[in-house]
PDB file of all heavy atoms in Angstrom:
ATOM      1  N   LEU A   1       5.082  -1.277   8.811  1.00  0.00           N
ATOM      2  CA  LEU A   1       5.439  -0.978   7.427  1.00  0.00           C
ATOM      3  C   LEU A   1       4.855   0.345   7.028  1.00  0.00           C
ATOM      4  O   LEU A   1       3.905   0.854   7.616  1.00  0.00           O
ATOM      5  CB  LEU A   1       4.773  -2.120   6.479  1.00  0.00           C
ATOM      6  CG  LEU A   1       5.327  -3.484   6.621  1.00  0.00           C
ATOM      7  CD1 LEU A   1       4.583  -4.464   5.748  1.00  0.00           C
ATOM      8  CD2 LEU A   1       6.837  -3.536   6.262  1.00  0.00           C
ATOM      9  N   PRO A   2       5.488   0.974   5.952  1.00  0.00           N
ATOM     10  CA  PRO A   2       5.021   2.321   5.572  1.00  0.00           C
ATOM     11  C   PRO A   2       3.531   2.200   5.012  1.00  0.00           C
ATOM     12  O   PRO A   2       3.323   1.185   4.265  1.00  0.00           O
ATOM     13  CB  PRO A   2       5.982   2.723   4.518  1.00  0.00           C
ATOM     14  CG  PRO A   2       6.810   1.572   4.246  1.00  0.00           C
ATOM     15  CD  PRO A   2       6.653   0.577   5.292  1.00  0.00           C
ATOM     16  N   GLU A   3       2.725   3.169   5.271  1.00  0.00           N
ATOM     17  CA  GLU A   3       1.367   3.129   4.742  1.00  0.00           C
ATOM     18  C   GLU A   3       1.273   3.827   3.404  1.00  0.00           C
ATOM     19  O   GLU A   3       0.446   3.372   2.574  1.00  0.00           O
ATOM     20  CB  GLU A   3       0.428   3.846   5.752  1.00  0.00           C
ATOM     21  CG  GLU A   3       0.298   3.129   7.100  1.00  0.00           C
ATOM     22  CD  GLU A   3      -0.417   1.838   6.962  1.00  0.00           C
ATOM     23  OE1 GLU A   3      -1.342   1.702   6.097  1.00  0.00           O
ATOM     24  OE2 GLU A   3      -0.190   0.970   7.725  1.00  0.00           O
ATOM     25  N   ASP A   4       2.015   4.876   3.161  1.00  0.00           N
ATOM     26  CA  ASP A   4       1.926   5.689   1.981  1.00  0.00           C
ATOM     27  C   ASP A   4       2.667   5.011   0.826  1.00  0.00           C
ATOM     28  O   ASP A   4       3.968   4.834   0.911  1.00  0.00           O
ATOM     29  CB  ASP A   4       2.510   7.083   2.290  1.00  0.00           C
ATOM     30  CG  ASP A   4       2.435   8.034   1.078  1.00  0.00           C
ATOM     31  OD1 ASP A   4       1.775   7.682   0.085  1.00  0.00           O
ATOM     32  OD2 ASP A   4       2.983   9.098   1.185  1.00  0.00           O
ATOM     33  N   ALA A   5       1.977   4.715  -0.219  1.00  0.00           N
ATOM     34  CA  ALA A   5       2.583   4.022  -1.360  1.00  0.00           C
ATOM     35  C   ALA A   5       3.632   4.860  -2.075  1.00  0.00           C
ATOM     36  O   ALA A   5       4.554   4.294  -2.698  1.00  0.00           O
ATOM     37  CB  ALA A   5       1.508   3.636  -2.394  1.00  0.00           C
ATOM     38  N   SER A   6       3.623   6.145  -1.967  1.00  0.00           N
ATOM     39  CA  SER A   6       4.556   7.049  -2.671  1.00  0.00           C
ATOM     40  C   SER A   6       5.665   7.440  -1.789  1.00  0.00           C
ATOM     41  O   SER A   6       6.502   8.232  -2.204  1.00  0.00           O
ATOM     42  CB  SER A   6       3.805   8.182  -3.208  1.00  0.00           C
ATOM     43  OG  SER A   6       3.216   9.001  -2.162  1.00  0.00           O
ATOM     44  N   SER A   7       5.710   6.996  -0.606  1.00  0.00           N
ATOM     45  CA  SER A   7       6.715   7.416   0.364  1.00  0.00           C
ATOM     46  C   SER A   7       8.148   6.889   0.031  1.00  0.00           C
ATOM     47  O   SER A   7       8.237   5.783  -0.546  1.00  0.00           O
ATOM     48  CB  SER A   7       6.347   7.148   1.877  1.00  0.00           C
ATOM     49  OG  SER A   7       6.582   5.752   2.062  1.00  0.00           O
ATOM     50  N   LEU A   8       9.110   7.563   0.443  1.00  0.00           N
ATOM     51  CA  LEU A   8      10.469   7.109   0.354  1.00  0.00           C
ATOM     52  C   LEU A   8      10.694   5.862   1.181  1.00  0.00           C
ATOM     53  O   LEU A   8      11.464   4.977   0.757  1.00  0.00           O
ATOM     54  CB  LEU A   8      11.452   8.213   0.765  1.00  0.00           C
ATOM     55  CG  LEU A   8      12.940   7.861   0.614  1.00  0.00           C
ATOM     56  CD1 LEU A   8      13.298   7.479  -0.807  1.00  0.00           C
ATOM     57  CD2 LEU A   8      13.823   9.072   1.092  1.00  0.00           C
ATOM     58  N   ASP A   9      10.011   5.735   2.369  1.00  0.00           N
ATOM     59  CA  ASP A   9      10.110   4.509   3.099  1.00  0.00           C
ATOM     60  C   ASP A   9       9.658   3.243   2.329  1.00  0.00           C
ATOM     61  O   ASP A   9      10.270   2.236   2.484  1.00  0.00           O
ATOM     62  CB  ASP A   9       9.253   4.731   4.437  1.00  0.00           C
ATOM     63  CG  ASP A   9       9.829   5.669   5.373  1.00  0.00           C
ATOM     64  OD1 ASP A   9      11.031   5.987   5.271  1.00  0.00           O
ATOM     65  OD2 ASP A   9       9.074   6.152   6.228  1.00  0.00           O
ATOM     66  N   THR A  10       8.550   3.417   1.547  1.00  0.00           N
ATOM     67  CA  THR A  10       8.054   2.300   0.840  1.00  0.00           C
ATOM     68  C   THR A  10       9.098   1.813  -0.186  1.00  0.00           C
ATOM     69  O   THR A  10       9.385   0.630  -0.305  1.00  0.00           O
ATOM     70  CB  THR A  10       6.750   2.673   0.141  1.00  0.00           C
ATOM     71  OG1 THR A  10       5.814   2.979   1.099  1.00  0.00           O
ATOM     72  CG2 THR A  10       6.292   1.422  -0.716  1.00  0.00           C
ATOM     73  N   VAL A  11       9.682   2.786  -0.898  1.00  0.00           N
ATOM     74  CA  VAL A  11      10.756   2.462  -1.900  1.00  0.00           C
ATOM     75  C   VAL A  11      11.932   1.822  -1.247  1.00  0.00           C
ATOM     76  O   VAL A  11      12.503   0.905  -1.718  1.00  0.00           O
ATOM     77  CB  VAL A  11      11.148   3.716  -2.685  1.00  0.00           C
ATOM     78  CG1 VAL A  11      12.315   3.453  -3.616  1.00  0.00           C
ATOM     79  CG2 VAL A  11       9.971   4.278  -3.462  1.00  0.00           C
ATOM     80  N   THR A  12      12.331   2.408  -0.067  1.00  0.00           N
ATOM     81  CA  THR A  12      13.439   1.877   0.668  1.00  0.00           C
ATOM     82  C   THR A  12      13.209   0.374   1.106  1.00  0.00           C
ATOM     83  O   THR A  12      14.091  -0.411   0.949  1.00  0.00           O
ATOM     84  CB  THR A  12      13.726   2.770   1.893  1.00  0.00           C
ATOM     85  OG1 THR A  12      13.997   4.106   1.412  1.00  0.00           O
ATOM     86  CG2 THR A  12      14.922   2.301   2.583  1.00  0.00           C
ATOM     87  N   PHE A  13      12.014   0.153   1.693  1.00  0.00           N
ATOM     88  CA  PHE A  13      11.739  -1.203   2.075  1.00  0.00           C
ATOM     89  C   PHE A  13      11.771  -2.160   0.868  1.00  0.00           C
ATOM     90  O   PHE A  13      12.322  -3.262   0.984  1.00  0.00           O
ATOM     91  CB  PHE A  13      10.309  -1.230   2.680  1.00  0.00           C
ATOM     92  CG  PHE A  13      10.277  -1.191   4.199  1.00  0.00           C
ATOM     93  CD1 PHE A  13      10.218   0.036   4.817  1.00  0.00           C
ATOM     94  CD2 PHE A  13      10.427  -2.290   4.960  1.00  0.00           C
ATOM     95  CE1 PHE A  13      10.226   0.172   6.272  1.00  0.00           C
ATOM     96  CE2 PHE A  13      10.406  -2.254   6.301  1.00  0.00           C
ATOM     97  CZ  PHE A  13      10.234  -1.026   6.991  1.00  0.00           C
ATOM     98  N   ALA A  14      11.161  -1.735  -0.264  1.00  0.00           N
ATOM     99  CA  ALA A  14      11.069  -2.653  -1.390  1.00  0.00           C
ATOM    100  C   ALA A  14      12.539  -2.951  -1.905  1.00  0.00           C
ATOM    101  O   ALA A  14      12.811  -4.072  -2.272  1.00  0.00           O
ATOM    102  CB  ALA A  14      10.282  -1.951  -2.531  1.00  0.00           C
ATOM    103  N   ILE A  15      13.388  -1.942  -1.948  1.00  0.00           N
ATOM    104  CA  ILE A  15      14.752  -2.206  -2.414  1.00  0.00           C
ATOM    105  C   ILE A  15      15.479  -3.136  -1.357  1.00  0.00           C
ATOM    106  O   ILE A  15      16.195  -4.016  -1.723  1.00  0.00           O
ATOM    107  CB  ILE A  15      15.509  -0.865  -2.500  1.00  0.00           C
ATOM    108  CG1 ILE A  15      14.972  -0.091  -3.732  1.00  0.00           C
ATOM    109  CG2 ILE A  15      16.988  -1.052  -2.666  1.00  0.00           C
ATOM    110  CD1 ILE A  15      15.410   1.351  -3.789  1.00  0.00           C
ATOM    111  N   ALA A  16      15.231  -2.811  -0.055  1.00  0.00           N
ATOM    112  CA  ALA A  16      15.866  -3.674   0.931  1.00  0.00           C
ATOM    113  C   ALA A  16      15.433  -5.109   0.779  1.00  0.00           C
ATOM    114  O   ALA A  16      16.269  -6.056   0.817  1.00  0.00           O
ATOM    115  CB  ALA A  16      15.560  -3.154   2.348  1.00  0.00           C
ATOM    116  N   PHE A  17      14.119  -5.352   0.673  1.00  0.00           N
ATOM    117  CA  PHE A  17      13.621  -6.753   0.452  1.00  0.00           C
ATOM    118  C   PHE A  17      14.249  -7.344  -0.753  1.00  0.00           C
ATOM    119  O   PHE A  17      14.590  -8.596  -0.792  1.00  0.00           O
ATOM    120  CB  PHE A  17      12.123  -6.788   0.408  1.00  0.00           C
ATOM    121  CG  PHE A  17      11.439  -6.683   1.760  1.00  0.00           C
ATOM    122  CD1 PHE A  17      10.446  -5.725   1.989  1.00  0.00           C
ATOM    123  CD2 PHE A  17      11.870  -7.472   2.831  1.00  0.00           C
ATOM    124  CE1 PHE A  17       9.835  -5.709   3.188  1.00  0.00           C
ATOM    125  CE2 PHE A  17      11.266  -7.399   4.052  1.00  0.00           C
ATOM    126  CZ  PHE A  17      10.248  -6.498   4.288  1.00  0.00           C
ATOM    127  N   ASN A  18      14.333  -6.599  -1.869  1.00  0.00           N
ATOM    128  CA  ASN A  18      14.892  -7.151  -3.087  1.00  0.00           C
ATOM    129  C   ASN A  18      16.355  -7.481  -2.887  1.00  0.00           C
ATOM    130  O   ASN A  18      16.858  -8.415  -3.593  1.00  0.00           O
ATOM    131  CB  ASN A  18      14.737  -6.096  -4.190  1.00  0.00           C
ATOM    132  CG  ASN A  18      14.667  -6.706  -5.540  1.00  0.00           C
ATOM    133  OD1 ASN A  18      14.156  -7.785  -5.703  1.00  0.00           O
ATOM    134  ND2 ASN A  18      15.258  -6.051  -6.508  1.00  0.00           N
ATOM    135  N   ASN A  19      17.042  -6.870  -2.030  1.00  0.00           N
ATOM    136  CA  ASN A  19      18.500  -7.165  -1.785  1.00  0.00           C
ATOM    137  C   ASN A  19      18.669  -8.343  -0.796  1.00  0.00           C
ATOM    138  O   ASN A  19      19.802  -8.720  -0.612  1.00  0.00           O
ATOM    139  CB  ASN A  19      19.202  -5.923  -1.348  1.00  0.00           C
ATOM    140  CG  ASN A  19      19.321  -4.914  -2.421  1.00  0.00           C
ATOM    141  OD1 ASN A  19      19.471  -5.295  -3.542  1.00  0.00           O
ATOM    142  ND2 ASN A  19      19.447  -3.697  -2.129  1.00  0.00           N
ATOM    143  N   MET A  20      17.709  -8.787  -0.159  1.00  0.00           N
ATOM    144  CA  MET A  20      17.796  -9.840   0.830  1.00  0.00           C
ATOM    145  C   MET A  20      17.619 -11.191   0.171  1.00  0.00           C
ATOM    146  O   MET A  20      16.693 -11.989   0.419  1.00  0.00           O
ATOM    147  CB  MET A  20      16.735  -9.707   1.921  1.00  0.00           C
ATOM    148  CG  MET A  20      16.895  -8.449   2.791  1.00  0.00           C
ATOM    149  SD  MET A  20      15.630  -8.391   4.073  1.00  0.00           S
ATOM    150  CE  MET A  20      15.782  -6.780   4.588  1.00  0.00           C
ATOM    151  N   GLU A  21      18.531 -11.525  -0.696  1.00  0.00           N
ATOM    152  CA  GLU A  21      18.480 -12.802  -1.496  1.00  0.00           C
ATOM    153  C   GLU A  21      18.534 -14.028  -0.728  1.00  0.00           C
ATOM    154  O   GLU A  21      18.012 -15.032  -1.183  1.00  0.00           O
ATOM    155  CB  GLU A  21      19.611 -12.744  -2.527  1.00  0.00           C
ATOM    156  CG  GLU A  21      19.516 -11.655  -3.566  1.00  0.00           C
ATOM    157  CD  GLU A  21      20.748 -11.511  -4.461  1.00  0.00           C
ATOM    158  OE1 GLU A  21      21.685 -12.403  -4.298  1.00  0.00           O
ATOM    159  OE2 GLU A  21      20.759 -10.656  -5.321  1.00  0.00           O
ATOM    160  N   ARG A  22      19.131 -13.967   0.480  1.00  0.00           N
ATOM    161  CA  ARG A  22      19.242 -15.163   1.265  1.00  0.00           C
ATOM    162  C   ARG A  22      18.289 -15.194   2.431  1.00  0.00           C
ATOM    163  O   ARG A  22      18.366 -16.072   3.329  1.00  0.00           O
ATOM    164  CB  ARG A  22      20.725 -15.222   1.809  1.00  0.00           C
ATOM    165  CG  ARG A  22      21.722 -15.396   0.728  1.00  0.00           C
ATOM    166  CD  ARG A  22      23.042 -15.734   1.241  1.00  0.00           C
ATOM    167  NE  ARG A  22      23.941 -15.882   0.087  1.00  0.00           N
ATOM    168  CZ  ARG A  22      25.308 -15.782   0.157  1.00  0.00           C
ATOM    169  NH1 ARG A  22      25.825 -15.504   1.373  1.00  0.00           N
ATOM    170  NH2 ARG A  22      25.989 -15.980  -0.869  1.00  0.00           N
ATOM    171  N   LEU A  23      17.246 -14.393   2.343  1.00  0.00           N
ATOM    172  CA  LEU A  23      16.299 -14.388   3.413  1.00  0.00           C
ATOM    173  C   LEU A  23      15.529 -15.668   3.437  1.00  0.00           C
ATOM    174  O   LEU A  23      15.061 -16.207   2.404  1.00  0.00           O
ATOM    175  CB  LEU A  23      15.269 -13.219   3.174  1.00  0.00           C
ATOM    176  CG  LEU A  23      14.314 -12.901   4.281  1.00  0.00           C
ATOM    177  CD1 LEU A  23      15.036 -12.392   5.572  1.00  0.00           C
ATOM    178  CD2 LEU A  23      13.228 -11.897   3.779  1.00  0.00           C
ATOM    179  N   ARG A  24      15.361 -16.309   4.571  1.00  0.00           N
ATOM    180  CA  ARG A  24      14.717 -17.570   4.798  1.00  0.00           C
ATOM    181  C   ARG A  24      13.463 -17.417   5.688  1.00  0.00           C
ATOM    182  O   ARG A  24      12.541 -18.289   5.583  1.00  0.00           O
ATOM    183  CB  ARG A  24      15.613 -18.681   5.258  1.00  0.00           C
ATOM    184  CG  ARG A  24      16.705 -18.928   4.382  1.00  0.00           C
ATOM    185  CD  ARG A  24      16.227 -19.567   3.093  1.00  0.00           C
ATOM    186  NE  ARG A  24      17.237 -19.718   2.069  1.00  0.00           N
ATOM    187  CZ  ARG A  24      17.509 -18.906   1.068  1.00  0.00           C
ATOM    188  NH1 ARG A  24      16.741 -17.915   0.923  1.00  0.00           N
ATOM    189  NH2 ARG A  24      18.550 -19.142   0.225  1.00  0.00           N
ATOM    190  N   ALA A  25      13.461 -16.486   6.612  1.00  0.00           N
ATOM    191  CA  ALA A  25      12.338 -16.349   7.584  1.00  0.00           C
ATOM    192  C   ALA A  25      11.956 -14.899   7.628  1.00  0.00           C
ATOM    193  O   ALA A  25      12.743 -13.989   7.814  1.00  0.00           O
ATOM    194  CB  ALA A  25      12.711 -16.852   8.937  1.00  0.00           C
ATOM    195  N   LEU A  26      10.611 -14.611   7.436  1.00  0.00           N
ATOM    196  CA  LEU A  26      10.131 -13.289   7.379  1.00  0.00           C
ATOM    197  C   LEU A  26       8.883 -13.069   8.211  1.00  0.00           C
ATOM    198  O   LEU A  26       8.010 -13.955   8.166  1.00  0.00           O
ATOM    199  CB  LEU A  26       9.768 -12.932   5.939  1.00  0.00           C
ATOM    200  CG  LEU A  26       9.164 -11.526   5.687  1.00  0.00           C
ATOM    201  CD1 LEU A  26      10.203 -10.405   6.005  1.00  0.00           C
ATOM    202  CD2 LEU A  26       8.852 -11.379   4.158  1.00  0.00           C
TER     203      LEU A  26
END
């Protein structure tokens, strides 16, 4: 996972997780 809280990767991951509405196993 991204380490830097201000990185674009962190924002991208957060948005991707938010869009995974049907996620059942993580």
